[in-house]
Amino acid sequence: MSLWFWQTPHNTLPVGPKPVVTRQHHQPYRSLRLPARAIASAVDSAMAAASSVRVAAAQMTSTNNLTSNFAICSRLVKEAASAGAKLLCFPESFSYIGVENGDSLKISEPLDGPIMQGYQSLARESNIWLSLGGFQEKGKDDEHLCNTHVIIDNEGNIRSSYRKIHLFDVDVPGGMVYKESSFTEAGKDVVAVDSPVGRLGLSVCYDLRFPEIYQLLRFQHESQVLLVPSAFTKVTGQAHWETLLRARAIETQCYVIAAAQAGKHNDKRESYGDTLIIDPWGTIVGRLTDRLATGIAVADMDLNVLESVRTKMPLAKLN
């Protein structure tokens, strides 16, 4: 079952019918005037609408079936486009999650390979920007890949890519031992890119625990929207997911879009699903309430709200 929801931070006030110009026999033209307060409200509403842009974040349960994952992503792209979203963000490992160690290496491809070309076609066909991260990009040798966050524009062009810097080498309490560095090459560059929804700061999953990268994205790269595609473990997600995301939003005064993997991918791996969209004040403005569902959360981001928060609390002056 596929679900999607949206919330809007500002309600648009109705302006009412257009003023009518009337004419009476032997009388001059007259125009009906709206009260100044009504005109001001109408102007405010129009300005809010002009600065508002709709975004969406996907939640899914990827498997080791590339074709099935692509079909799910295709459906979610169409739903997001129908909802009026200009950008749809997918979670980490959207295209593939393997069962055995080494599975991801076997299917890894360069960014100009057929897997990514399929997703480029989805963006082009639905006229929507896509955030795809992380993708199993082929590395420098057969033993390593890159966990790569790719931004595709509405014409199907790759606008930017970021290779995950902080690799998940963790012994999860009561769970599995992960050693992402054993098959993944760490990235080195912090990446931001302009888009129709604002300047995007790119990251992937475990980066979330390292606030320094988000400080760089905000204060050196002038990001307005932080993207955090993830496949958090169930244990760590329950403990820290929402707290970390809201902290990153508050301390950088950015919108945060966090697309999440959800549920059991196979007998060995389970992810914590809680797809969120958070405003610069740390308020959750979009959420997929069913943590196991496949679907999209939709929200309207208002860059005027972002600028207001930054103006009233000018953190940038002290950085």
C-alpha atoms as a PDB file:
ATOM      1  CA  MET A   1       0.000   0.000   0.000  1.00  0.00           C
ATOM      2  CA  SER A   2       1.352   3.417  -0.919  1.00  0.00           C
ATOM      3  CA  LEU A   3       0.672   6.453   1.263  1.00  0.00           C
ATOM      4  CA  TRP A   4       1.423  10.133   1.020  1.00  0.00           C
ATOM      5  CA  PHE A   5       0.666  13.112   3.194  1.00  0.00           C
ATOM      6  CA  TRP A   6       1.500  16.788   3.209  1.00  0.00           C
ATOM      7  CA  GLN A   7       1.347  19.722   5.533  1.00  0.00           C
ATOM      8  CA  THR A   8       1.651  23.386   4.634  1.00  0.00           C
ATOM      9  CA  PRO A   9       3.162  25.882   7.099  1.00  0.00           C
ATOM     10  CA  HIS A  10       1.028  28.739   5.829  1.00  0.00           C
ATOM     11  CA  ASN A  11      -2.609  28.741   4.841  1.00  0.00           C
ATOM     12  CA  THR A  12      -3.511  30.851   1.823  1.00  0.00           C
ATOM     13  CA  LEU A  13      -6.198  33.375   2.616  1.00  0.00           C
ATOM     14  CA  PRO A  14      -8.979  33.724   0.012  1.00  0.00           C
ATOM     15  CA  VAL A  15      -8.980  37.081  -1.657  1.00  0.00           C
ATOM     16  CA  GLY A  16     -12.583  36.938  -2.822  1.00  0.00           C
ATOM     17  CA  PRO A  17     -13.985  37.785  -6.231  1.00  0.00           C
ATOM     18  CA  LYS A  18     -12.286  40.265  -8.496  1.00  0.00           C
ATOM     19  CA  PRO A  19     -13.577  43.822  -7.956  1.00  0.00           C
ATOM     20  CA  VAL A  20     -16.322  44.584 -10.460  1.00  0.00           C
ATOM     21  CA  VAL A  21     -16.519  47.796 -12.499  1.00  0.00           C
ATOM     22  CA  THR A  22     -20.151  48.858 -12.898  1.00  0.00           C
ATOM     23  CA  ARG A  23     -21.914  51.393 -15.069  1.00  0.00           C
ATOM     24  CA  GLN A  24     -25.295  53.030 -14.503  1.00  0.00           C
ATOM     25  CA  HIS A  25     -27.271  55.102 -16.978  1.00  0.00           C
ATOM     26  CA  HIS A  26     -25.941  58.666 -17.021  1.00  0.00           C
ATOM     27  CA  GLN A  27     -23.529  57.767 -14.181  1.00  0.00           C
ATOM     28  CA  PRO A  28     -19.680  57.780 -14.317  1.00  0.00           C
ATOM     29  CA  TYR A  29     -17.749  54.533 -13.914  1.00  0.00           C
ATOM     30  CA  ARG A  30     -17.272  53.311 -10.356  1.00  0.00           C
ATOM     31  CA  SER A  31     -14.938  50.624  -8.966  1.00  0.00           C
ATOM     32  CA  LEU A  32     -15.636  48.644  -5.824  1.00  0.00           C
ATOM     33  CA  ARG A  33     -12.717  48.978  -3.388  1.00  0.00           C
ATOM     34  CA  LEU A  34     -11.365  46.307  -1.082  1.00  0.00           C
ATOM     35  CA  PRO A  35     -10.431  47.398   2.443  1.00  0.00           C
ATOM     36  CA  ALA A  36      -6.723  48.067   2.962  1.00  0.00           C
ATOM     37  CA  ARG A  37      -6.468  45.170   5.404  1.00  0.00           C
ATOM     38  CA  ALA A  38      -7.904  42.736   2.845  1.00  0.00           C
ATOM     39  CA  ILE A  39      -5.489  43.991   0.210  1.00  0.00           C
ATOM     40  CA  ALA A  40      -2.546  43.561   2.578  1.00  0.00           C
ATOM     41  CA  SER A  41      -3.654  40.027   3.412  1.00  0.00           C
ATOM     42  CA  ALA A  42      -3.970  39.214  -0.265  1.00  0.00           C
ATOM     43  CA  VAL A  43      -0.477  40.543  -0.969  1.00  0.00           C
ATOM     44  CA  ASP A  44       0.989  38.584   1.958  1.00  0.00           C
ATOM     45  CA  SER A  45      -0.689  35.413   0.725  1.00  0.00           C
ATOM     46  CA  ALA A  46       0.573  35.938  -2.795  1.00  0.00           C
ATOM     47  CA  MET A  47       4.125  36.540  -1.553  1.00  0.00           C
ATOM     48  CA  ALA A  48       3.991  33.422   0.636  1.00  0.00           C
ATOM     49  CA  ALA A  49       2.795  31.358  -2.305  1.00  0.00           C
ATOM     50  CA  ALA A  50       5.585  32.729  -4.495  1.00  0.00           C
ATOM     51  CA  SER A  51       8.278  31.758  -1.961  1.00  0.00           C
ATOM     52  CA  SER A  52       6.786  28.348  -1.211  1.00  0.00           C
ATOM     53  CA  VAL A  53       7.857  25.191  -3.019  1.00  0.00           C
ATOM     54  CA  ARG A  54       6.621  21.640  -2.590  1.00  0.00           C
ATOM     55  CA  VAL A  55       9.029  18.772  -1.930  1.00  0.00           C
ATOM     56  CA  ALA A  56       8.607  15.072  -1.232  1.00  0.00           C
ATOM     57  CA  ALA A  57      10.586  12.373   0.565  1.00  0.00           C
ATOM     58  CA  ALA A  58      10.202   8.679  -0.183  1.00  0.00           C
ATOM     59  CA  GLN A  59      10.128   5.711   2.152  1.00  0.00           C
ATOM     60  CA  MET A  60      10.596   2.165   0.867  1.00  0.00           C
ATOM     61  CA  THR A  61      11.966  -1.280   1.663  1.00  0.00           C
ATOM     62  CA  SER A  62      14.604  -2.006  -0.948  1.00  0.00           C
ATOM     63  CA  THR A  63      15.673  -5.594  -1.680  1.00  0.00           C
ATOM     64  CA  ASN A  64      18.240  -7.359  -3.842  1.00  0.00           C
ATOM     65  CA  ASN A  65      15.909  -7.140  -6.854  1.00  0.00           C
ATOM     66  CA  LEU A  66      16.946  -4.193  -9.039  1.00  0.00           C
ATOM     67  CA  THR A  67      13.864  -4.466 -11.251  1.00  0.00           C
ATOM     68  CA  SER A  68      11.408  -4.512  -8.366  1.00  0.00           C
ATOM     69  CA  ASN A  69      13.087  -1.554  -6.657  1.00  0.00           C
ATOM     70  CA  PHE A  70      12.994   0.432  -9.893  1.00  0.00           C
ATOM     71  CA  ALA A  71       9.277  -0.273 -10.322  1.00  0.00           C
ATOM     72  CA  ILE A  72       8.555   1.007  -6.801  1.00  0.00           C
ATOM     73  CA  CYS A  73      10.651   4.116  -7.372  1.00  0.00           C
ATOM     74  CA  SER A  74       8.887   4.749 -10.679  1.00  0.00           C
ATOM     75  CA  ARG A  75       5.495   4.677  -8.954  1.00  0.00           C
ATOM     76  CA  LEU A  76       6.665   7.034  -6.200  1.00  0.00           C
ATOM     77  CA  VAL A  77       8.086   9.474  -8.743  1.00  0.00           C
ATOM     78  CA  LYS A  78       4.706   9.660 -10.474  1.00  0.00           C
ATOM     79  CA  GLU A  79       2.914  10.178  -7.145  1.00  0.00           C
ATOM     80  CA  ALA A  80       5.282  12.982  -6.136  1.00  0.00           C
ATOM     81  CA  ALA A  81       4.934  14.693  -9.512  1.00  0.00           C
ATOM     82  CA  SER A  82       1.128  14.418  -9.326  1.00  0.00           C
ATOM     83  CA  ALA A  83       1.246  16.017  -5.866  1.00  0.00           C
ATOM     84  CA  GLY A  84       3.088  19.003  -7.328  1.00  0.00           C
ATOM     85  CA  ALA A  85       6.516  18.286  -5.827  1.00  0.00           C
ATOM     86  CA  LYS A  86       9.523  19.845  -7.568  1.00  0.00           C
ATOM     87  CA  LEU A  87      11.982  17.506  -5.829  1.00  0.00           C
ATOM     88  CA  LEU A  88      11.628  13.911  -4.653  1.00  0.00           C
ATOM     89  CA  CYS A  89      14.261  12.483  -2.302  1.00  0.00           C
ATOM     90  CA  PHE A  90      14.901   8.734  -2.126  1.00  0.00           C
ATOM     91  CA  PRO A  91      16.615   6.919   0.775  1.00  0.00           C
ATOM     92  CA  GLU A  92      20.081   5.422   0.862  1.00  0.00           C
ATOM     93  CA  SER A  93      20.421   2.219  -1.192  1.00  0.00           C
ATOM     94  CA  PHE A  94      17.165   2.984  -3.016  1.00  0.00           C
ATOM     95  CA  SER A  95      18.137   0.825  -6.015  1.00  0.00           C
ATOM     96  CA  TYR A  96      19.576  -2.191  -4.209  1.00  0.00           C
ATOM     97  CA  ILE A  97      20.201  -3.787  -0.796  1.00  0.00           C
ATOM     98  CA  GLY A  98      22.060  -7.073  -0.932  1.00  0.00           C
ATOM     99  CA  VAL A  99      21.774 -10.145   1.247  1.00  0.00           C
ATOM    100  CA  GLU A 100      25.366 -11.348   1.441  1.00  0.00           C
ATOM    101  CA  ASN A 101      28.623  -9.448   1.869  1.00  0.00           C
ATOM    102  CA  GLY A 102      29.915  -8.540  -1.551  1.00  0.00           C
ATOM    103  CA  ASP A 103      26.520  -8.414  -3.284  1.00  0.00           C
ATOM    104  CA  SER A 104      26.645  -4.633  -3.658  1.00  0.00           C
ATOM    105  CA  LEU A 105      30.084  -4.814  -5.261  1.00  0.00           C
ATOM    106  CA  LYS A 106      28.777  -7.193  -7.909  1.00  0.00           C
ATOM    107  CA  ILE A 107      26.041  -4.799  -9.094  1.00  0.00           C
ATOM    108  CA  SER A 108      27.970  -1.530  -8.700  1.00  0.00           C
ATOM    109  CA  GLU A 109      28.169   0.617 -11.817  1.00  0.00           C
ATOM    110  CA  PRO A 110      29.610   3.941 -12.952  1.00  0.00           C
ATOM    111  CA  LEU A 111      27.215   6.882 -12.896  1.00  0.00           C
ATOM    112  CA  ASP A 112      26.787   6.668 -16.667  1.00  0.00           C
ATOM    113  CA  GLY A 113      25.715   3.016 -16.466  1.00  0.00           C
ATOM    114  CA  PRO A 114      22.257   1.591 -17.297  1.00  0.00           C
ATOM    115  CA  ILE A 115      20.929   1.601 -13.713  1.00  0.00           C
ATOM    116  CA  MET A 116      21.408   5.343 -13.244  1.00  0.00           C
ATOM    117  CA  GLN A 117      20.227   5.998 -16.806  1.00  0.00           C
ATOM    118  CA  GLY A 118      16.901   4.415 -15.869  1.00  0.00           C
ATOM    119  CA  TYR A 119      16.448   6.848 -12.989  1.00  0.00           C
ATOM    120  CA  GLN A 120      17.461   9.737 -15.220  1.00  0.00           C
ATOM    121  CA  SER A 121      14.611   8.733 -17.517  1.00  0.00           C
ATOM    122  CA  LEU A 122      12.167   8.777 -14.587  1.00  0.00           C
ATOM    123  CA  ALA A 123      13.139  12.361 -13.764  1.00  0.00           C
ATOM    124  CA  ARG A 124      12.820  13.455 -17.366  1.00  0.00           C
ATOM    125  CA  GLU A 125       9.481  11.728 -17.967  1.00  0.00           C
ATOM    126  CA  SER A 126       7.873  13.204 -14.828  1.00  0.00           C
ATOM    127  CA  ASN A 127       9.605  16.614 -15.054  1.00  0.00           C
ATOM    128  CA  ILE A 128      10.904  16.406 -11.489  1.00  0.00           C
ATOM    129  CA  TRP A 129      14.279  16.686  -9.724  1.00  0.00           C
ATOM    130  CA  LEU A 130      15.480  13.554  -7.919  1.00  0.00           C
ATOM    131  CA  SER A 131      17.803  13.061  -4.967  1.00  0.00           C
ATOM    132  CA  LEU A 132      19.267   9.545  -5.213  1.00  0.00           C
ATOM    133  CA  GLY A 133      21.526   8.523  -2.404  1.00  0.00           C
ATOM    134  CA  GLY A 134      23.393   6.489  -1.822  1.00  0.00           C
ATOM    135  CA  PHE A 135      23.933   4.685  -5.074  1.00  0.00           C
ATOM    136  CA  GLN A 136      26.426   1.849  -5.429  1.00  0.00           C
ATOM    137  CA  GLU A 137      28.899   3.599  -7.733  1.00  0.00           C
ATOM    138  CA  LYS A 138      31.771   1.474  -9.021  1.00  0.00           C
ATOM    139  CA  GLY A 139      35.014   2.344  -7.234  1.00  0.00           C
ATOM    140  CA  LYS A 140      38.626   2.551  -8.348  1.00  0.00           C
ATOM    141  CA  ASP A 141      39.115  -1.224  -8.022  1.00  0.00           C
ATOM    142  CA  ASP A 142      37.009  -4.391  -7.906  1.00  0.00           C
ATOM    143  CA  GLU A 143      37.130  -4.515  -4.095  1.00  0.00           C
ATOM    144  CA  HIS A 144      35.550  -1.109  -3.450  1.00  0.00           C
ATOM    145  CA  LEU A 145      32.544   0.986  -4.395  1.00  0.00           C
ATOM    146  CA  CYS A 146      31.474   4.518  -3.520  1.00  0.00           C
ATOM    147  CA  ASN A 147      28.282   5.249  -1.606  1.00  0.00           C
ATOM    148  CA  THR A 148      27.228   8.137  -3.836  1.00  0.00           C
ATOM    149  CA  HIS A 149      24.424  10.683  -3.489  1.00  0.00           C
ATOM    150  CA  VAL A 150      23.338  11.818  -6.966  1.00  0.00           C
ATOM    151  CA  ILE A 151      21.186  14.834  -7.880  1.00  0.00           C
ATOM    152  CA  ILE A 152      19.293  14.625 -11.179  1.00  0.00           C
ATOM    153  CA  ASP A 153      17.393  17.567 -12.666  1.00  0.00           C
ATOM    154  CA  ASN A 154      14.001  17.501 -14.367  1.00  0.00           C
ATOM    155  CA  GLU A 155      15.621  17.023 -17.769  1.00  0.00           C
ATOM    156  CA  GLY A 156      17.416  13.897 -16.625  1.00  0.00           C
ATOM    157  CA  ASN A 157      20.864  15.449 -16.265  1.00  0.00           C
ATOM    158  CA  ILE A 158      23.185  14.636 -13.366  1.00  0.00           C
ATOM    159  CA  ARG A 159      23.713  17.993 -11.668  1.00  0.00           C
ATOM    160  CA  SER A 160      25.954  16.889  -8.831  1.00  0.00           C
ATOM    161  CA  SER A 161      27.237  13.902  -6.867  1.00  0.00           C
ATOM    162  CA  TYR A 162      28.617  13.443  -3.354  1.00  0.00           C
ATOM    163  CA  ARG A 163      30.520  10.428  -2.086  1.00  0.00           C
ATOM    164  CA  LYS A 164      29.787   9.528   1.518  1.00  0.00           C
ATOM    165  CA  ILE A 165      32.601  10.679   3.796  1.00  0.00           C
ATOM    166  CA  HIS A 166      31.748   8.986   7.109  1.00  0.00           C
ATOM    167  CA  LEU A 167      31.558   5.215   6.668  1.00  0.00           C
ATOM    168  CA  PHE A 168      29.473   3.029   8.976  1.00  0.00           C
ATOM    169  CA  ASP A 169      31.974   0.941  10.947  1.00  0.00           C
ATOM    170  CA  VAL A 170      29.902   0.164  14.024  1.00  0.00           C
ATOM    171  CA  ASP A 171      29.117  -2.691  16.412  1.00  0.00           C
ATOM    172  CA  VAL A 172      25.422  -1.990  16.994  1.00  0.00           C
ATOM    173  CA  PRO A 173      24.405  -2.819  20.587  1.00  0.00           C
ATOM    174  CA  GLY A 174      22.363  -6.006  20.484  1.00  0.00           C
ATOM    175  CA  GLY A 175      22.660  -6.154  16.720  1.00  0.00           C
ATOM    176  CA  MET A 176      25.028  -6.676  13.816  1.00  0.00           C
ATOM    177  CA  VAL A 177      28.607  -5.587  13.319  1.00  0.00           C
ATOM    178  CA  TYR A 178      28.961  -3.301  10.292  1.00  0.00           C
ATOM    179  CA  LYS A 179      32.211  -2.562   8.457  1.00  0.00           C
ATOM    180  CA  GLU A 180      31.290  -0.346   5.518  1.00  0.00           C
ATOM    181  CA  SER A 181      34.927   0.637   4.989  1.00  0.00           C
ATOM    182  CA  SER A 182      35.794  -2.960   4.075  1.00  0.00           C
ATOM    183  CA  PHE A 183      34.145  -2.507   0.672  1.00  0.00           C
ATOM    184  CA  THR A 184      33.516   1.256   0.378  1.00  0.00           C
ATOM    185  CA  GLU A 185      35.895   4.048  -0.543  1.00  0.00           C
ATOM    186  CA  ALA A 186      35.313   7.180   1.565  1.00  0.00           C
ATOM    187  CA  GLY A 187      34.635  10.471  -0.157  1.00  0.00           C
ATOM    188  CA  LYS A 188      36.620  13.625   0.546  1.00  0.00           C
ATOM    189  CA  ASP A 189      34.603  16.566  -0.771  1.00  0.00           C
ATOM    190  CA  VAL A 190      31.713  18.492   0.798  1.00  0.00           C
ATOM    191  CA  VAL A 191      29.118  19.183  -1.912  1.00  0.00           C
ATOM    192  CA  ALA A 192      26.245  21.644  -2.356  1.00  0.00           C
ATOM    193  CA  VAL A 193      24.245  22.399  -5.501  1.00  0.00           C
ATOM    194  CA  ASP A 194      21.590  24.900  -6.563  1.00  0.00           C
ATOM    195  CA  SER A 195      18.085  23.656  -7.401  1.00  0.00           C
ATOM    196  CA  PRO A 196      14.550  25.009  -7.897  1.00  0.00           C
ATOM    197  CA  VAL A 197      13.814  24.352  -4.207  1.00  0.00           C
ATOM    198  CA  GLY A 198      16.914  26.110  -2.876  1.00  0.00           C
ATOM    199  CA  ARG A 199      20.586  25.330  -2.442  1.00  0.00           C
ATOM    200  CA  LEU A 200      20.963  21.659  -1.498  1.00  0.00           C
ATOM    201  CA  GLY A 201      23.582  20.336   0.925  1.00  0.00           C
ATOM    202  CA  LEU A 202      24.328  16.661   0.271  1.00  0.00           C
ATOM    203  CA  SER A 203      25.047  13.947   2.817  1.00  0.00           C
ATOM    204  CA  VAL A 204      24.320  10.250   3.390  1.00  0.00           C
ATOM    205  CA  CYS A 205      23.046   8.471   6.511  1.00  0.00           C
ATOM    206  CA  TYR A 206      25.954   8.082   9.002  1.00  0.00           C
ATOM    207  CA  ASP A 207      27.153  11.597   8.118  1.00  0.00           C
ATOM    208  CA  LEU A 208      24.235  12.719  10.293  1.00  0.00           C
ATOM    209  CA  ARG A 209      26.256  12.002  13.456  1.00  0.00           C
ATOM    210  CA  PHE A 210      29.007  14.417  12.428  1.00  0.00           C
ATOM    211  CA  PRO A 211      27.728  18.006  12.714  1.00  0.00           C
ATOM    212  CA  GLU A 212      30.909  19.475  11.245  1.00  0.00           C
ATOM    213  CA  ILE A 213      29.908  18.558   7.687  1.00  0.00           C
ATOM    214  CA  TYR A 214      26.573  20.343   8.092  1.00  0.00           C
ATOM    215  CA  GLN A 215      28.281  23.406   9.519  1.00  0.00           C
ATOM    216  CA  LEU A 216      30.421  23.511   6.379  1.00  0.00           C
ATOM    217  CA  LEU A 217      27.385  23.026   4.160  1.00  0.00           C
ATOM    218  CA  ARG A 218      25.572  25.895   5.868  1.00  0.00           C
ATOM    219  CA  PHE A 219      28.259  28.482   6.551  1.00  0.00           C
ATOM    220  CA  GLN A 220      30.777  27.850   3.763  1.00  0.00           C
ATOM    221  CA  HIS A 221      28.586  26.404   1.015  1.00  0.00           C
ATOM    222  CA  GLU A 222      25.457  28.468   1.814  1.00  0.00           C
ATOM    223  CA  SER A 223      23.048  25.529   1.840  1.00  0.00           C
ATOM    224  CA  GLN A 224      19.360  26.132   2.513  1.00  0.00           C
ATOM    225  CA  VAL A 225      18.149  22.517   2.416  1.00  0.00           C
ATOM    226  CA  LEU A 226      20.053  19.574   3.885  1.00  0.00           C
ATOM    227  CA  LEU A 227      19.391  16.159   2.362  1.00  0.00           C
ATOM    228  CA  VAL A 228      19.945  13.103   4.564  1.00  0.00           C
ATOM    229  CA  PRO A 229      19.011   9.906   2.670  1.00  0.00           C
ATOM    230  CA  SER A 230      19.375   7.041   5.114  1.00  0.00           C
ATOM    231  CA  ALA A 231      19.052   3.392   6.024  1.00  0.00           C
ATOM    232  CA  PHE A 232      19.343   3.691   9.807  1.00  0.00           C
ATOM    233  CA  THR A 233      19.349   0.471  11.805  1.00  0.00           C
ATOM    234  CA  LYS A 234      16.264  -0.170  13.895  1.00  0.00           C
ATOM    235  CA  VAL A 235      18.194   0.092  17.175  1.00  0.00           C
ATOM    236  CA  THR A 236      19.990   3.364  16.417  1.00  0.00           C
ATOM    237  CA  GLY A 237      16.984   4.852  14.658  1.00  0.00           C
ATOM    238  CA  GLN A 238      14.685   4.352  17.618  1.00  0.00           C
ATOM    239  CA  ALA A 239      17.234   6.004  19.893  1.00  0.00           C
ATOM    240  CA  HIS A 240      18.569   8.920  17.864  1.00  0.00           C
ATOM    241  CA  TRP A 241      17.020   9.463  14.394  1.00  0.00           C
ATOM    242  CA  GLU A 242      14.551  12.289  15.042  1.00  0.00           C
ATOM    243  CA  THR A 243      16.754  13.958  17.663  1.00  0.00           C
ATOM    244  CA  LEU A 244      19.751  14.173  15.340  1.00  0.00           C
ATOM    245  CA  LEU A 245      17.726  15.450  12.390  1.00  0.00           C
ATOM    246  CA  ARG A 246      16.019  18.187  14.364  1.00  0.00           C
ATOM    247  CA  ALA A 247      19.362  19.193  15.879  1.00  0.00           C
ATOM    248  CA  ARG A 248      20.923  19.549  12.413  1.00  0.00           C
ATOM    249  CA  ALA A 249      17.975  21.696  11.287  1.00  0.00           C
ATOM    250  CA  ILE A 250      18.131  23.965  14.342  1.00  0.00           C
ATOM    251  CA  GLU A 251      21.892  24.474  14.460  1.00  0.00           C
ATOM    252  CA  THR A 252      22.175  25.224  10.717  1.00  0.00           C
ATOM    253  CA  GLN A 253      18.823  26.997  10.291  1.00  0.00           C
ATOM    254  CA  CYS A 254      18.136  24.855   7.248  1.00  0.00           C
ATOM    255  CA  TYR A 255      15.281  22.708   6.048  1.00  0.00           C
ATOM    256  CA  VAL A 256      16.125  19.008   6.421  1.00  0.00           C
ATOM    257  CA  ILE A 257      14.711  16.285   4.176  1.00  0.00           C
ATOM    258  CA  ALA A 258      15.362  12.777   5.474  1.00  0.00           C
ATOM    259  CA  ALA A 259      14.174   9.910   3.279  1.00  0.00           C
ATOM    260  CA  ALA A 260      14.341   6.570   5.082  1.00  0.00           C
ATOM    261  CA  GLN A 261      14.515   2.883   4.321  1.00  0.00           C
ATOM    262  CA  ALA A 262      11.920   0.966   6.353  1.00  0.00           C
ATOM    263  CA  GLY A 263      11.348  -2.542   7.667  1.00  0.00           C
ATOM    264  CA  LYS A 264      12.969  -5.887   6.850  1.00  0.00           C
ATOM    265  CA  HIS A 265      14.990  -6.087   3.656  1.00  0.00           C
ATOM    266  CA  ASN A 266      15.957  -9.708   4.268  1.00  0.00           C
ATOM    267  CA  ASP A 267      16.571 -12.084   7.165  1.00  0.00           C
ATOM    268  CA  LYS A 268      19.727 -10.226   8.157  1.00  0.00           C
ATOM    269  CA  ARG A 269      18.872  -6.556   7.810  1.00  0.00           C
ATOM    270  CA  GLU A 270      16.139  -4.246   9.081  1.00  0.00           C
ATOM    271  CA  SER A 271      15.879  -0.455   8.832  1.00  0.00           C
ATOM    272  CA  TYR A 272      14.139   2.162  10.963  1.00  0.00           C
ATOM    273  CA  GLY A 273      11.497   3.898   8.883  1.00  0.00           C
ATOM    274  CA  ASP A 274      10.499   7.435   9.816  1.00  0.00           C
ATOM    275  CA  THR A 275      10.700   9.698   6.767  1.00  0.00           C
ATOM    276  CA  LEU A 276      10.755  13.349   7.885  1.00  0.00           C
ATOM    277  CA  ILE A 277      10.803  16.907   6.545  1.00  0.00           C
ATOM    278  CA  ILE A 278      11.860  19.504   9.138  1.00  0.00           C
ATOM    279  CA  ASP A 279      11.875  23.304   8.983  1.00  0.00           C
ATOM    280  CA  PRO A 280      14.724  25.637  10.118  1.00  0.00           C
ATOM    281  CA  TRP A 281      13.129  26.054  13.550  1.00  0.00           C
ATOM    282  CA  GLY A 282      13.244  22.298  14.132  1.00  0.00           C
ATOM    283  CA  THR A 283       9.515  21.739  13.556  1.00  0.00           C
ATOM    284  CA  ILE A 284       8.431  18.622  11.700  1.00  0.00           C
ATOM    285  CA  VAL A 285       6.379  19.793   8.701  1.00  0.00           C
ATOM    286  CA  GLY A 286       6.140  16.501   6.830  1.00  0.00           C
ATOM    287  CA  ARG A 287       6.117  12.904   8.032  1.00  0.00           C
ATOM    288  CA  LEU A 288       5.144   9.453   6.820  1.00  0.00           C
ATOM    289  CA  THR A 289       3.336   8.338   9.935  1.00  0.00           C
ATOM    290  CA  ASP A 290       3.392   4.611   9.117  1.00  0.00           C
ATOM    291  CA  ARG A 291       7.004   3.625   9.739  1.00  0.00           C
ATOM    292  CA  LEU A 292       6.716   0.453   7.672  1.00  0.00           C
ATOM    293  CA  ALA A 293       4.810   1.900   4.720  1.00  0.00           C
ATOM    294  CA  THR A 294       6.058   2.504   1.216  1.00  0.00           C
ATOM    295  CA  GLY A 295       5.055   6.004   0.193  1.00  0.00           C
ATOM    296  CA  ILE A 296       5.970   9.674   0.230  1.00  0.00           C
ATOM    297  CA  ALA A 297       5.809  12.503   2.744  1.00  0.00           C
ATOM    298  CA  VAL A 298       5.064  15.884   1.166  1.00  0.00           C
ATOM    299  CA  ALA A 299       5.568  19.386   2.548  1.00  0.00           C
ATOM    300  CA  ASP A 300       5.684  22.981   1.346  1.00  0.00           C
ATOM    301  CA  MET A 301       8.970  24.696   2.163  1.00  0.00           C
ATOM    302  CA  ASP A 302       8.919  28.472   2.462  1.00  0.00           C
ATOM    303  CA  LEU A 303      12.282  30.165   1.961  1.00  0.00           C
ATOM    304  CA  ASN A 304      10.853  33.350   3.521  1.00  0.00           C
ATOM    305  CA  VAL A 305      10.495  31.384   6.755  1.00  0.00           C
ATOM    306  CA  LEU A 306      14.117  30.310   6.445  1.00  0.00           C
ATOM    307  CA  GLU A 307      15.319  33.877   5.938  1.00  0.00           C
ATOM    308  CA  SER A 308      13.177  35.105   8.832  1.00  0.00           C
ATOM    309  CA  VAL A 309      14.729  32.558  11.194  1.00  0.00           C
ATOM    310  CA  ARG A 310      18.228  33.496  10.060  1.00  0.00           C
ATOM    311  CA  THR A 311      17.548  37.219  10.348  1.00  0.00           C
ATOM    312  CA  LYS A 312      16.121  37.028  13.844  1.00  0.00           C
ATOM    313  CA  MET A 313      18.937  34.789  15.071  1.00  0.00           C
ATOM    314  CA  PRO A 314      21.962  35.663  12.881  1.00  0.00           C
ATOM    315  CA  LEU A 315      24.252  32.714  13.578  1.00  0.00           C
ATOM    316  CA  ALA A 316      26.255  33.367  10.419  1.00  0.00           C
ATOM    317  CA  LYS A 317      27.707  36.557  11.941  1.00  0.00           C
ATOM    318  CA  LEU A 318      29.545  34.478  14.525  1.00  0.00           C
ATOM    319  CA  ASN A 319      30.910  31.875  12.086  1.00  0.00           C
END
